[in-house]
């Protein structure tokens, strides 16, 4: 499975749990870290954890295992590293504070529909 398909599945898993402001940044031309960053927010700790759980479950069913997951206990910023796809799930306050969209503005902001192509 390629990174575009993994990113699409992750976005759908996040949306299933009512993720707020899902952004997909294609960073393959500006970084060797990954192909895609997915950034999403939840309105509270339980929602943030539920979104991470759903991503892990959906991708796990497709036999895609994370390299690493950080921040689950605190749930103010959960980072899920799936090698070519890195998922950042924030609470609203920390998303504003860290502003990854600004930091990674050299990447291309894409719409979810572009992952279906």
PDB file of N, CA and C in Angstrom:
ATOM      1  N   UNK A   1       0.844  -1.178   0.000  1.00  0.00           N
ATOM      2  CA  UNK A   1       0.000   0.000   0.000  1.00  0.00           C
ATOM      3  C   UNK A   1       0.889   1.240   0.000  1.00  0.00           C
ATOM      4  N   UNK A   2       0.568   2.202  -0.856  1.00  0.00           N
ATOM      5  CA  UNK A   2       1.412   3.386  -0.947  1.00  0.00           C
ATOM      6  C   UNK A   2       0.974   4.471   0.050  1.00  0.00           C
ATOM      7  N   UNK A   3       1.797   5.497   0.171  1.00  0.00           N
ATOM      8  CA  UNK A   3       1.553   6.538   1.174  1.00  0.00           C
ATOM      9  C   UNK A   3       0.256   7.302   0.908  1.00  0.00           C
ATOM     10  N   UNK A   4      -0.107   7.471  -0.345  1.00  0.00           N
ATOM     11  CA  UNK A   4      -1.340   8.175  -0.680  1.00  0.00           C
ATOM     12  C   UNK A   4      -2.551   7.400  -0.152  1.00  0.00           C
ATOM     13  N   UNK A   5      -2.541   6.088  -0.304  1.00  0.00           N
ATOM     14  CA  UNK A   5      -3.648   5.259   0.186  1.00  0.00           C
ATOM     15  C   UNK A   5      -3.708   5.259   1.708  1.00  0.00           C
ATOM     16  N   UNK A   6      -2.545   5.210   2.349  1.00  0.00           N
ATOM     17  CA  UNK A   6      -2.494   5.254   3.812  1.00  0.00           C
ATOM     18  C   UNK A   6      -3.047   6.590   4.307  1.00  0.00           C
ATOM     19  N   UNK A   7      -2.646   7.679   3.664  1.00  0.00           N
ATOM     20  CA  UNK A   7      -3.134   9.015   4.047  1.00  0.00           C
ATOM     21  C   UNK A   7      -4.654   9.093   3.886  1.00  0.00           C
ATOM     22  N   UNK A   8      -5.173   8.559   2.802  1.00  0.00           N
ATOM     23  CA  UNK A   8      -6.626   8.577   2.572  1.00  0.00           C
ATOM     24  C   UNK A   8      -7.360   7.806   3.665  1.00  0.00           C
ATOM     25  N   UNK A   9      -6.861   6.618   3.991  1.00  0.00           N
ATOM     26  CA  UNK A   9      -7.491   5.809   5.038  1.00  0.00           C
ATOM     27  C   UNK A   9      -7.437   6.517   6.388  1.00  0.00           C
ATOM     28  N   UNK A  10      -6.310   7.138   6.692  1.00  0.00           N
ATOM     29  CA  UNK A  10      -6.159   7.855   7.962  1.00  0.00           C
ATOM     30  C   UNK A  10      -7.133   9.027   8.042  1.00  0.00           C
ATOM     31  N   UNK A  11      -7.281   9.765   6.949  1.00  0.00           N
ATOM     32  CA  UNK A  11      -8.225  10.893   6.930  1.00  0.00           C
ATOM     33  C   UNK A  11      -9.650  10.414   7.169  1.00  0.00           C
ATOM     34  N   UNK A  12     -10.016   9.323   6.536  1.00  0.00           N
ATOM     35  CA  UNK A  12     -11.362   8.785   6.727  1.00  0.00           C
ATOM     36  C   UNK A  12     -11.575   8.343   8.175  1.00  0.00           C
ATOM     37  N   UNK A  13     -10.550   7.724   8.769  1.00  0.00           N
ATOM     38  CA  UNK A  13     -10.654   7.293  10.167  1.00  0.00           C
ATOM     39  C   UNK A  13     -10.819   8.501  11.091  1.00  0.00           C
ATOM     40  N   UNK A  14     -10.101   9.575  10.809  1.00  0.00           N
ATOM     41  CA  UNK A  14     -10.224  10.795  11.610  1.00  0.00           C
ATOM     42  C   UNK A  14     -11.619  11.402  11.454  1.00  0.00           C
ATOM     43  N   UNK A  15     -12.100  11.467  10.224  1.00  0.00           N
ATOM     44  CA  UNK A  15     -13.416  12.043   9.970  1.00  0.00           C
ATOM     45  C   UNK A  15     -14.534  11.214  10.601  1.00  0.00           C
ATOM     46  N   UNK A  16     -14.333   9.898  10.692  1.00  0.00           N
ATOM     47  CA  UNK A  16     -15.320   9.031  11.356  1.00  0.00           C
ATOM     48  C   UNK A  16     -15.546   9.443  12.803  1.00  0.00           C
ATOM     49  N   UNK A  17     -14.527  10.018  13.423  1.00  0.00           N
ATOM     50  CA  UNK A  17     -14.621  10.458  14.817  1.00  0.00           C
ATOM     51  C   UNK A  17     -14.776  11.969  14.927  1.00  0.00           C
ATOM     52  N   UNK A  18     -15.282  12.572  13.858  1.00  0.00           N
ATOM     53  CA  UNK A  18     -15.626  14.005  13.844  1.00  0.00           C
ATOM     54  C   UNK A  18     -14.432  14.923  14.083  1.00  0.00           C
ATOM     55  N   UNK A  19     -13.298  14.587  13.477  1.00  0.00           N
ATOM     56  CA  UNK A  19     -12.105  15.432  13.586  1.00  0.00           C
ATOM     57  C   UNK A  19     -12.408  16.827  13.054  1.00  0.00           C
ATOM     58  N   UNK A  20     -11.804  17.814  13.683  1.00  0.00           N
ATOM     59  CA  UNK A  20     -11.979  19.207  13.280  1.00  0.00           C
ATOM     60  C   UNK A  20     -10.810  19.635  12.399  1.00  0.00           C
ATOM     61  N   UNK A  21     -11.102  20.388  11.364  1.00  0.00           N
ATOM     62  CA  UNK A  21     -10.080  21.012  10.518  1.00  0.00           C
ATOM     63  C   UNK A  21      -8.967  20.063  10.087  1.00  0.00           C
ATOM     64  N   UNK A  22      -9.331  18.998   9.399  1.00  0.00           N
ATOM     65  CA  UNK A  22      -8.322  18.060   8.901  1.00  0.00           C
ATOM     66  C   UNK A  22      -7.578  18.713   7.740  1.00  0.00           C
ATOM     67  N   UNK A  23      -6.273  18.787   7.863  1.00  0.00           N
ATOM     68  CA  UNK A  23      -5.420  19.353   6.810  1.00  0.00           C
ATOM     69  C   UNK A  23      -4.421  18.284   6.375  1.00  0.00           C
ATOM     70  N   UNK A  24      -4.203  18.221   5.077  1.00  0.00           N
ATOM     71  CA  UNK A  24      -3.234  17.275   4.514  1.00  0.00           C
ATOM     72  C   UNK A  24      -2.161  18.108   3.817  1.00  0.00           C
ATOM     73  N   UNK A  25      -0.922  17.891   4.220  1.00  0.00           N
ATOM     74  CA  UNK A  25       0.187  18.624   3.619  1.00  0.00           C
ATOM     75  C   UNK A  25       1.110  17.617   2.939  1.00  0.00           C
ATOM     76  N   UNK A  26       1.281  17.788   1.646  1.00  0.00           N
ATOM     77  CA  UNK A  26       2.215  16.949   0.900  1.00  0.00           C
ATOM     78  C   UNK A  26       3.595  17.565   1.086  1.00  0.00           C
ATOM     79  N   UNK A  27       4.491  16.825   1.752  1.00  0.00           N
ATOM     80  CA  UNK A  27       5.828  17.354   2.041  1.00  0.00           C
ATOM     81  C   UNK A  27       6.922  16.572   1.317  1.00  0.00           C
ATOM     82  N   UNK A  28       6.544  15.716   0.374  1.00  0.00           N
ATOM     83  CA  UNK A  28       7.553  14.856  -0.253  1.00  0.00           C
ATOM     84  C   UNK A  28       8.606  15.638  -1.036  1.00  0.00           C
ATOM     85  N   UNK A  29       8.282  16.840  -1.494  1.00  0.00           N
ATOM     86  CA  UNK A  29       9.261  17.638  -2.247  1.00  0.00           C
ATOM     87  C   UNK A  29      10.116  18.531  -1.358  1.00  0.00           C
ATOM     88  N   UNK A  30       9.742  18.642  -0.071  1.00  0.00           N
ATOM     89  CA  UNK A  30      10.485  19.550   0.816  1.00  0.00           C
ATOM     90  C   UNK A  30      11.139  18.840   2.000  1.00  0.00           C
ATOM     91  N   UNK A  31      10.897  17.539   2.150  1.00  0.00           N
ATOM     92  CA  UNK A  31      11.455  16.830   3.299  1.00  0.00           C
ATOM     93  C   UNK A  31      11.602  15.343   3.001  1.00  0.00           C
ATOM     94  N   UNK A  32      12.571  14.737   3.655  1.00  0.00           N
ATOM     95  CA  UNK A  32      12.729  13.283   3.554  1.00  0.00           C
ATOM     96  C   UNK A  32      12.047  12.578   4.719  1.00  0.00           C
ATOM     97  N   UNK A  33      11.439  13.357   5.628  1.00  0.00           N
ATOM     98  CA  UNK A  33      10.778  12.771   6.796  1.00  0.00           C
ATOM     99  C   UNK A  33       9.602  11.885   6.413  1.00  0.00           C
ATOM    100  N   UNK A  34       8.796  12.358   5.472  1.00  0.00           N
ATOM    101  CA  UNK A  34       7.565  11.655   5.113  1.00  0.00           C
ATOM    102  C   UNK A  34       7.063  12.227   3.794  1.00  0.00           C
ATOM    103  N   UNK A  35       6.003  11.611   3.270  1.00  0.00           N
ATOM    104  CA  UNK A  35       5.338  12.146   2.081  1.00  0.00           C
ATOM    105  C   UNK A  35       4.192  13.078   2.474  1.00  0.00           C
ATOM    106  N   UNK A  36       3.491  12.708   3.569  1.00  0.00           N
ATOM    107  CA  UNK A  36       2.320  13.473   3.988  1.00  0.00           C
ATOM    108  C   UNK A  36       2.331  13.713   5.483  1.00  0.00           C
ATOM    109  N   UNK A  37       1.927  14.913   5.864  1.00  0.00           N
ATOM    110  CA  UNK A  37       1.563  15.233   7.231  1.00  0.00           C
ATOM    111  C   UNK A  37       0.052  15.405   7.234  1.00  0.00           C
ATOM    112  N   UNK A  38      -0.617  14.790   8.176  1.00  0.00           N
ATOM    113  CA  UNK A  38      -2.042  15.005   8.367  1.00  0.00           C
ATOM    114  C   UNK A  38      -2.198  15.654   9.733  1.00  0.00           C
ATOM    115  N   UNK A  39      -2.900  16.756   9.771  1.00  0.00           N
ATOM    116  CA  UNK A  39      -3.090  17.507  11.004  1.00  0.00           C
ATOM    117  C   UNK A  39      -4.591  17.612  11.262  1.00  0.00           C
ATOM    118  N   UNK A  40      -4.991  17.267  12.482  1.00  0.00           N
ATOM    119  CA  UNK A  40      -6.404  17.331  12.849  1.00  0.00           C
ATOM    120  C   UNK A  40      -6.527  17.753  14.306  1.00  0.00           C
ATOM    121  N   UNK A  41      -7.720  18.212  14.677  1.00  0.00           N
ATOM    122  CA  UNK A  41      -7.978  18.627  16.051  1.00  0.00           C
ATOM    123  C   UNK A  41      -9.198  17.914  16.596  1.00  0.00           C
ATOM    124  N   UNK A  42      -9.189  17.800  17.914  1.00  0.00           N
ATOM    125  CA  UNK A  42     -10.364  17.331  18.636  1.00  0.00           C
ATOM    126  C   UNK A  42     -10.730  18.356  19.687  1.00  0.00           C
ATOM    127  N   UNK A  43     -11.977  18.339  20.105  1.00  0.00           N
ATOM    128  CA  UNK A  43     -12.425  19.369  21.047  1.00  0.00           C
ATOM    129  C   UNK A  43     -12.122  19.023  22.501  1.00  0.00           C
ATOM    130  N   UNK A  44     -11.775  17.756  22.774  1.00  0.00           N
ATOM    131  CA  UNK A  44     -11.420  17.380  24.144  1.00  0.00           C
ATOM    132  C   UNK A  44     -10.525  16.143  24.118  1.00  0.00           C
ATOM    133  N   UNK A  45      -9.993  15.809  25.280  1.00  0.00           N
ATOM    134  CA  UNK A  45      -9.042  14.701  25.404  1.00  0.00           C
ATOM    135  C   UNK A  45      -9.630  13.379  24.909  1.00  0.00           C
ATOM    136  N   UNK A  46     -10.869  13.101  25.275  1.00  0.00           N
ATOM    137  CA  UNK A  46     -11.489  11.843  24.866  1.00  0.00           C
ATOM    138  C   UNK A  46     -11.619  11.743  23.355  1.00  0.00           C
ATOM    139  N   UNK A  47     -11.991  12.845  22.715  1.00  0.00           N
ATOM    140  CA  UNK A  47     -12.118  12.819  21.261  1.00  0.00           C
ATOM    141  C   UNK A  47     -10.757  12.638  20.600  1.00  0.00           C
ATOM    142  N   UNK A  48      -9.739  13.320  21.096  1.00  0.00           N
ATOM    143  CA  UNK A  48      -8.393  13.194  20.539  1.00  0.00           C
ATOM    144  C   UNK A  48      -7.935  11.736  20.623  1.00  0.00           C
ATOM    145  N   UNK A  49      -8.134  11.113  21.773  1.00  0.00           N
ATOM    146  CA  UNK A  49      -7.747   9.706  21.924  1.00  0.00           C
ATOM    147  C   UNK A  49      -8.596   8.792  21.048  1.00  0.00           C
ATOM    148  N   UNK A  50      -9.887   9.074  20.929  1.00  0.00           N
ATOM    149  CA  UNK A  50     -10.761   8.253  20.082  1.00  0.00           C
ATOM    150  C   UNK A  50     -10.330   8.336  18.621  1.00  0.00           C
ATOM    151  N   UNK A  51      -9.915   9.512  18.178  1.00  0.00           N
ATOM    152  CA  UNK A  51      -9.442   9.656  16.803  1.00  0.00           C
ATOM    153  C   UNK A  51      -8.179   8.829  16.591  1.00  0.00           C
ATOM    154  N   UNK A  52      -7.248   8.886  17.534  1.00  0.00           N
ATOM    155  CA  UNK A  52      -6.016   8.090  17.424  1.00  0.00           C
ATOM    156  C   UNK A  52      -6.330   6.594  17.441  1.00  0.00           C
ATOM    157  N   UNK A  53      -7.233   6.192  18.330  1.00  0.00           N
ATOM    158  CA  UNK A  53      -7.621   4.780  18.399  1.00  0.00           C
ATOM    159  C   UNK A  53      -8.218   4.313  17.077  1.00  0.00           C
ATOM    160  N   UNK A  54      -9.054   5.146  16.471  1.00  0.00           N
ATOM    161  CA  UNK A  54      -9.704   4.756  15.223  1.00  0.00           C
ATOM    162  C   UNK A  54      -8.701   4.657  14.079  1.00  0.00           C
ATOM    163  N   UNK A  55      -7.760   5.586  14.005  1.00  0.00           N
ATOM    164  CA  UNK A  55      -6.712   5.517  12.978  1.00  0.00           C
ATOM    165  C   UNK A  55      -5.926   4.218  13.149  1.00  0.00           C
ATOM    166  N   UNK A  56      -5.530   3.928  14.382  1.00  0.00           N
ATOM    167  CA  UNK A  56      -4.741   2.721  14.635  1.00  0.00           C
ATOM    168  C   UNK A  56      -5.532   1.460  14.291  1.00  0.00           C
ATOM    169  N   UNK A  57      -6.821   1.457  14.616  1.00  0.00           N
ATOM    170  CA  UNK A  57      -7.652   0.286  14.320  1.00  0.00           C
ATOM    171  C   UNK A  57      -7.841   0.094  12.815  1.00  0.00           C
ATOM    172  N   UNK A  58      -8.204   1.161  12.109  1.00  0.00           N
ATOM    173  CA  UNK A  58      -8.463   1.069  10.671  1.00  0.00           C
ATOM    174  C   UNK A  58      -7.193   0.677   9.911  1.00  0.00           C
ATOM    175  N   UNK A  59      -6.094   1.338  10.212  1.00  0.00           N
ATOM    176  CA  UNK A  59      -4.844   1.001   9.524  1.00  0.00           C
ATOM    177  C   UNK A  59      -4.349  -0.379   9.943  1.00  0.00           C
ATOM    178  N   UNK A  60      -4.570  -0.744  11.194  1.00  0.00           N
ATOM    179  CA  UNK A  60      -4.181  -2.071  11.668  1.00  0.00           C
ATOM    180  C   UNK A  60      -4.906  -3.178  10.926  1.00  0.00           C
ATOM    181  N   UNK A  61      -6.191  -2.960  10.623  1.00  0.00           N
ATOM    182  CA  UNK A  61      -6.958  -3.954   9.856  1.00  0.00           C
ATOM    183  C   UNK A  61      -6.377  -4.143   8.460  1.00  0.00           C
ATOM    184  N   UNK A  62      -5.720  -3.094   7.956  1.00  0.00           N
ATOM    185  CA  UNK A  62      -5.059  -3.175   6.649  1.00  0.00           C
ATOM    186  C   UNK A  62      -3.603  -3.630   6.801  1.00  0.00           C
ATOM    187  N   UNK A  63      -3.257  -4.082   7.996  1.00  0.00           N
ATOM    188  CA  UNK A  63      -1.916  -4.570   8.336  1.00  0.00           C
ATOM    189  C   UNK A  63      -0.842  -3.494   8.188  1.00  0.00           C
ATOM    190  N   UNK A  64      -1.221  -2.271   8.515  1.00  0.00           N
ATOM    191  CA  UNK A  64      -0.281  -1.153   8.514  1.00  0.00           C
ATOM    192  C   UNK A  64      -0.051  -0.769   9.976  1.00  0.00           C
ATOM    193  N   UNK A  65       1.136  -1.025  10.444  1.00  0.00           N
ATOM    194  CA  UNK A  65       1.458  -0.789  11.844  1.00  0.00           C
ATOM    195  C   UNK A  65       2.278   0.491  11.989  1.00  0.00           C
ATOM    196  N   UNK A  66       2.042   1.248  13.053  1.00  0.00           N
ATOM    197  CA  UNK A  66       2.814   2.480  13.257  1.00  0.00           C
ATOM    198  C   UNK A  66       4.248   2.169  13.664  1.00  0.00           C
ATOM    199  N   UNK A  67       5.139   3.019  13.218  1.00  0.00           N
ATOM    200  CA  UNK A  67       6.529   2.935  13.683  1.00  0.00           C
ATOM    201  C   UNK A  67       6.592   3.387  15.132  1.00  0.00           C
ATOM    202  N   UNK A  68       5.779   4.429  15.444  1.00  0.00           N
ATOM    203  CA  UNK A  68       5.782   4.986  16.793  1.00  0.00           C
ATOM    204  C   UNK A  68       4.535   5.829  17.010  1.00  0.00           C
ATOM    205  N   UNK A  69       4.059   5.830  18.249  1.00  0.00           N
ATOM    206  CA  UNK A  69       2.966   6.717  18.660  1.00  0.00           C
ATOM    207  C   UNK A  69       3.416   7.423  19.928  1.00  0.00           C
ATOM    208  N   UNK A  70       3.311   8.741  19.929  1.00  0.00           N
ATOM    209  CA  UNK A  70       3.743   9.544  21.077  1.00  0.00           C
ATOM    210  C   UNK A  70       2.586  10.409  21.561  1.00  0.00           C
ATOM    211  N   UNK A  71       2.526  10.654  22.862  1.00  0.00           N
ATOM    212  CA  UNK A  71       1.611  11.638  23.423  1.00  0.00           C
ATOM    213  C   UNK A  71       0.208  11.158  23.717  1.00  0.00           C
ATOM    214  N   UNK A  72      -0.024   9.853  23.642  1.00  0.00           N
ATOM    215  CA  UNK A  72      -1.387   9.343  23.810  1.00  0.00           C
ATOM    216  C   UNK A  72      -1.935   9.644  25.208  1.00  0.00           C
ATOM    217  N   UNK A  73      -1.145   9.470  26.230  1.00  0.00           N
ATOM    218  CA  UNK A  73      -1.632   9.643  27.606  1.00  0.00           C
ATOM    219  C   UNK A  73      -2.092  11.072  27.884  1.00  0.00           C
ATOM    220  N   UNK A  74      -1.288  12.044  27.474  1.00  0.00           N
ATOM    221  CA  UNK A  74      -1.663  13.444  27.706  1.00  0.00           C
ATOM    222  C   UNK A  74      -2.748  13.912  26.755  1.00  0.00           C
ATOM    223  N   UNK A  75      -2.706  13.401  25.541  1.00  0.00           N
ATOM    224  CA  UNK A  75      -3.708  13.673  24.505  1.00  0.00           C
ATOM    225  C   UNK A  75      -3.866  15.148  24.166  1.00  0.00           C
ATOM    226  N   UNK A  76      -2.801  15.944  24.342  1.00  0.00           N
ATOM    227  CA  UNK A  76      -2.868  17.307  23.837  1.00  0.00           C
ATOM    228  C   UNK A  76      -2.204  17.400  22.462  1.00  0.00           C
ATOM    229  N   UNK A  77      -1.332  16.437  22.154  1.00  0.00           N
ATOM    230  CA  UNK A  77      -0.743  16.298  20.819  1.00  0.00           C
ATOM    231  C   UNK A  77      -0.318  14.844  20.681  1.00  0.00           C
ATOM    232  N   UNK A  78      -1.053  14.107  19.894  1.00  0.00           N
ATOM    233  CA  UNK A  78      -0.688  12.713  19.622  1.00  0.00           C
ATOM    234  C   UNK A  78      -0.030  12.676  18.250  1.00  0.00           C
ATOM    235  N   UNK A  79       1.173  12.142  18.208  1.00  0.00           N
ATOM    236  CA  UNK A  79       1.898  11.993  16.958  1.00  0.00           C
ATOM    237  C   UNK A  79       1.913  10.510  16.602  1.00  0.00           C
ATOM    238  N   UNK A  80       1.435  10.196  15.416  1.00  0.00           N
ATOM    239  CA  UNK A  80       1.388   8.814  14.939  1.00  0.00           C
ATOM    240  C   UNK A  80       2.270   8.720  13.698  1.00  0.00           C
ATOM    241  N   UNK A  81       3.375   7.991  13.816  1.00  0.00           N
ATOM    242  CA  UNK A  81       4.352   7.890  12.733  1.00  0.00           C
ATOM    243  C   UNK A  81       4.129   6.588  11.965  1.00  0.00           C
ATOM    244  N   UNK A  82       3.622   6.728  10.758  1.00  0.00           N
ATOM    245  CA  UNK A  82       3.447   5.592   9.857  1.00  0.00           C
ATOM    246  C   UNK A  82       4.448   5.693   8.712  1.00  0.00           C
ATOM    247  N   UNK A  83       5.666   6.057   9.031  1.00  0.00           N
ATOM    248  CA  UNK A  83       6.785   6.228   8.123  1.00  0.00           C
ATOM    249  C   UNK A  83       6.527   7.322   7.083  1.00  0.00           C
ATOM    250  N   UNK A  84       5.872   7.025   5.980  1.00  0.00           N
ATOM    251  CA  UNK A  84       5.651   8.022   4.941  1.00  0.00           C
ATOM    252  C   UNK A  84       4.442   8.919   5.206  1.00  0.00           C
ATOM    253  N   UNK A  85       3.681   8.591   6.239  1.00  0.00           N
ATOM    254  CA  UNK A  85       2.527   9.397   6.636  1.00  0.00           C
ATOM    255  C   UNK A  85       2.638   9.646   8.139  1.00  0.00           C
ATOM    256  N   UNK A  86       2.698  10.906   8.514  1.00  0.00           N
ATOM    257  CA  UNK A  86       2.783  11.277   9.927  1.00  0.00           C
ATOM    258  C   UNK A  86       1.505  12.030  10.279  1.00  0.00           C
ATOM    259  N   UNK A  87       0.831  11.543  11.317  1.00  0.00           N
ATOM    260  CA  UNK A  87      -0.456  12.098  11.713  1.00  0.00           C
ATOM    261  C   UNK A  87      -0.290  12.841  13.031  1.00  0.00           C
ATOM    262  N   UNK A  88      -0.756  14.083  13.048  1.00  0.00           N
ATOM    263  CA  UNK A  88      -0.703  14.926  14.244  1.00  0.00           C
ATOM    264  C   UNK A  88      -2.142  15.197  14.670  1.00  0.00           C
ATOM    265  N   UNK A  89      -2.503  14.743  15.865  1.00  0.00           N
ATOM    266  CA  UNK A  89      -3.844  14.982  16.385  1.00  0.00           C
ATOM    267  C   UNK A  89      -3.700  15.862  17.632  1.00  0.00           C
ATOM    268  N   UNK A  90      -4.257  17.047  17.552  1.00  0.00           N
ATOM    269  CA  UNK A  90      -4.107  18.050  18.608  1.00  0.00           C
ATOM    270  C   UNK A  90      -5.426  18.323  19.314  1.00  0.00           C
ATOM    271  N   UNK A  91      -5.310  18.828  20.550  1.00  0.00           N
ATOM    272  CA  UNK A  91      -6.449  19.553  21.098  1.00  0.00           C
ATOM    273  C   UNK A  91      -6.367  20.947  20.472  1.00  0.00           C
ATOM    274  N   UNK A  92      -7.442  21.706  20.553  1.00  0.00           N
ATOM    275  CA  UNK A  92      -7.509  22.979  19.825  1.00  0.00           C
ATOM    276  C   UNK A  92      -6.453  23.994  20.280  1.00  0.00           C
ATOM    277  N   UNK A  93      -6.213  24.055  21.583  1.00  0.00           N
ATOM    278  CA  UNK A  93      -5.256  25.020  22.120  1.00  0.00           C
ATOM    279  C   UNK A  93      -3.833  24.746  21.624  1.00  0.00           C
ATOM    280  N   UNK A  94      -3.410  23.484  21.686  1.00  0.00           N
ATOM    281  CA  UNK A  94      -2.045  23.155  21.261  1.00  0.00           C
ATOM    282  C   UNK A  94      -1.866  23.251  19.754  1.00  0.00           C
ATOM    283  N   UNK A  95      -2.925  23.000  19.003  1.00  0.00           N
ATOM    284  CA  UNK A  95      -2.814  23.174  17.552  1.00  0.00           C
ATOM    285  C   UNK A  95      -2.507  24.621  17.208  1.00  0.00           C
ATOM    286  N   UNK A  96      -3.190  25.541  17.867  1.00  0.00           N
ATOM    287  CA  UNK A  96      -2.919  26.959  17.636  1.00  0.00           C
ATOM    288  C   UNK A  96      -1.503  27.333  18.073  1.00  0.00           C
ATOM    289  N   UNK A  97      -1.077  26.793  19.200  1.00  0.00           N
ATOM    290  CA  UNK A  97       0.239  27.125  19.741  1.00  0.00           C
ATOM    291  C   UNK A  97       1.363  26.641  18.820  1.00  0.00           C
ATOM    292  N   UNK A  98       1.314  25.387  18.383  1.00  0.00           N
ATOM    293  CA  UNK A  98       2.401  24.819  17.576  1.00  0.00           C
ATOM    294  C   UNK A  98       2.310  25.206  16.100  1.00  0.00           C
ATOM    295  N   UNK A  99       1.120  25.450  15.592  1.00  0.00           N
ATOM    296  CA  UNK A  99       0.903  25.975  14.243  1.00  0.00           C
ATOM    297  C   UNK A  99       1.754  25.266  13.176  1.00  0.00           C
ATOM    298  N   UNK A 100       1.607  23.957  13.093  1.00  0.00           N
ATOM    299  CA  UNK A 100       2.382  23.173  12.127  1.00  0.00           C
ATOM    300  C   UNK A 100       2.098  23.578  10.684  1.00  0.00           C
ATOM    301  N   UNK A 101       0.884  24.027  10.420  1.00  0.00           N
ATOM    302  CA  UNK A 101       0.565  24.460   9.062  1.00  0.00           C
ATOM    303  C   UNK A 101       1.502  25.586   8.615  1.00  0.00           C
ATOM    304  N   UNK A 102       1.818  26.491   9.524  1.00  0.00           N
ATOM    305  CA  UNK A 102       2.734  27.586   9.197  1.00  0.00           C
ATOM    306  C   UNK A 102       4.159  27.071   9.051  1.00  0.00           C
ATOM    307  N   UNK A 103       4.572  26.204   9.959  1.00  0.00           N
ATOM    308  CA  UNK A 103       5.941  25.671   9.923  1.00  0.00           C
ATOM    309  C   UNK A 103       6.199  24.901   8.628  1.00  0.00           C
ATOM    310  N   UNK A 104       5.198  24.164   8.163  1.00  0.00           N
ATOM    311  CA  UNK A 104       5.344  23.333   6.963  1.00  0.00           C
ATOM    312  C   UNK A 104       4.686  23.968   5.741  1.00  0.00           C
ATOM    313  N   UNK A 105       4.632  25.292   5.696  1.00  0.00           N
ATOM    314  CA  UNK A 105       3.969  25.974   4.584  1.00  0.00           C
ATOM    315  C   UNK A 105       4.679  25.768   3.247  1.00  0.00           C
ATOM    316  N   UNK A 106       5.924  25.310   3.254  1.00  0.00           N
ATOM    317  CA  UNK A 106       6.617  25.011   1.992  1.00  0.00           C
ATOM    318  C   UNK A 106       6.044  23.768   1.325  1.00  0.00           C
ATOM    319  N   UNK A 107       5.348  22.950   2.101  1.00  0.00           N
ATOM    320  CA  UNK A 107       4.666  21.797   1.520  1.00  0.00           C
ATOM    321  C   UNK A 107       3.398  22.256   0.812  1.00  0.00           C
ATOM    322  N   UNK A 108       2.766  21.332   0.112  1.00  0.00           N
ATOM    323  CA  UNK A 108       1.542  21.663  -0.631  1.00  0.00           C
ATOM    324  C   UNK A 108       0.324  21.211   0.159  1.00  0.00           C
ATOM    325  N   UNK A 109      -0.537  22.150   0.502  1.00  0.00           N
ATOM    326  CA  UNK A 109      -1.800  21.822   1.149  1.00  0.00           C
ATOM    327  C   UNK A 109      -2.702  21.195   0.098  1.00  0.00           C
ATOM    328  N   UNK A 110      -3.175  19.970   0.349  1.00  0.00           N
ATOM    329  CA  UNK A 110      -4.007  19.295  -0.646  1.00  0.00           C
ATOM    330  C   UNK A 110      -5.357  18.926  -0.045  1.00  0.00           C
ATOM    331  N   UNK A 111      -6.307  18.700  -0.901  1.00  0.00           N
ATOM    332  CA  UNK A 111      -7.638  18.272  -0.486  1.00  0.00           C
ATOM    333  C   UNK A 111      -7.686  16.752  -0.443  1.00  0.00           C
ATOM    334  N   UNK A 112      -8.565  16.210   0.390  1.00  0.00           N
ATOM    335  CA  UNK A 112      -8.689  14.756   0.526  1.00  0.00           C
ATOM    336  C   UNK A 112      -9.005  14.093  -0.811  1.00  0.00           C
ATOM    337  N   UNK A 113      -9.771  14.758  -1.649  1.00  0.00           N
ATOM    338  CA  UNK A 113     -10.141  14.190  -2.943  1.00  0.00           C
ATOM    339  C   UNK A 113      -8.924  13.897  -3.814  1.00  0.00           C
ATOM    340  N   UNK A 114      -7.843  14.667  -3.625  1.00  0.00           N
ATOM    341  CA  UNK A 114      -6.630  14.432  -4.404  1.00  0.00           C
ATOM    342  C   UNK A 114      -5.954  13.106  -4.047  1.00  0.00           C
ATOM    343  N   UNK A 115      -6.257  12.582  -2.858  1.00  0.00           N
ATOM    344  CA  UNK A 115      -5.693  11.287  -2.457  1.00  0.00           C
ATOM    345  C   UNK A 115      -6.390  10.131  -3.161  1.00  0.00           C
ATOM    346  N   UNK A 116      -7.556  10.391  -3.743  1.00  0.00           N
ATOM    347  CA  UNK A 116      -8.300   9.342  -4.444  1.00  0.00           C
ATOM    348  C   UNK A 116      -7.801   9.143  -5.869  1.00  0.00           C
ATOM    349  N   UNK A 117      -6.982  10.055  -6.359  1.00  0.00           N
ATOM    350  CA  UNK A 117      -6.513   9.983  -7.748  1.00  0.00           C
ATOM    351  C   UNK A 117      -5.379   8.999  -7.908  1.00  0.00           C
TER     352      UNK A 117
END
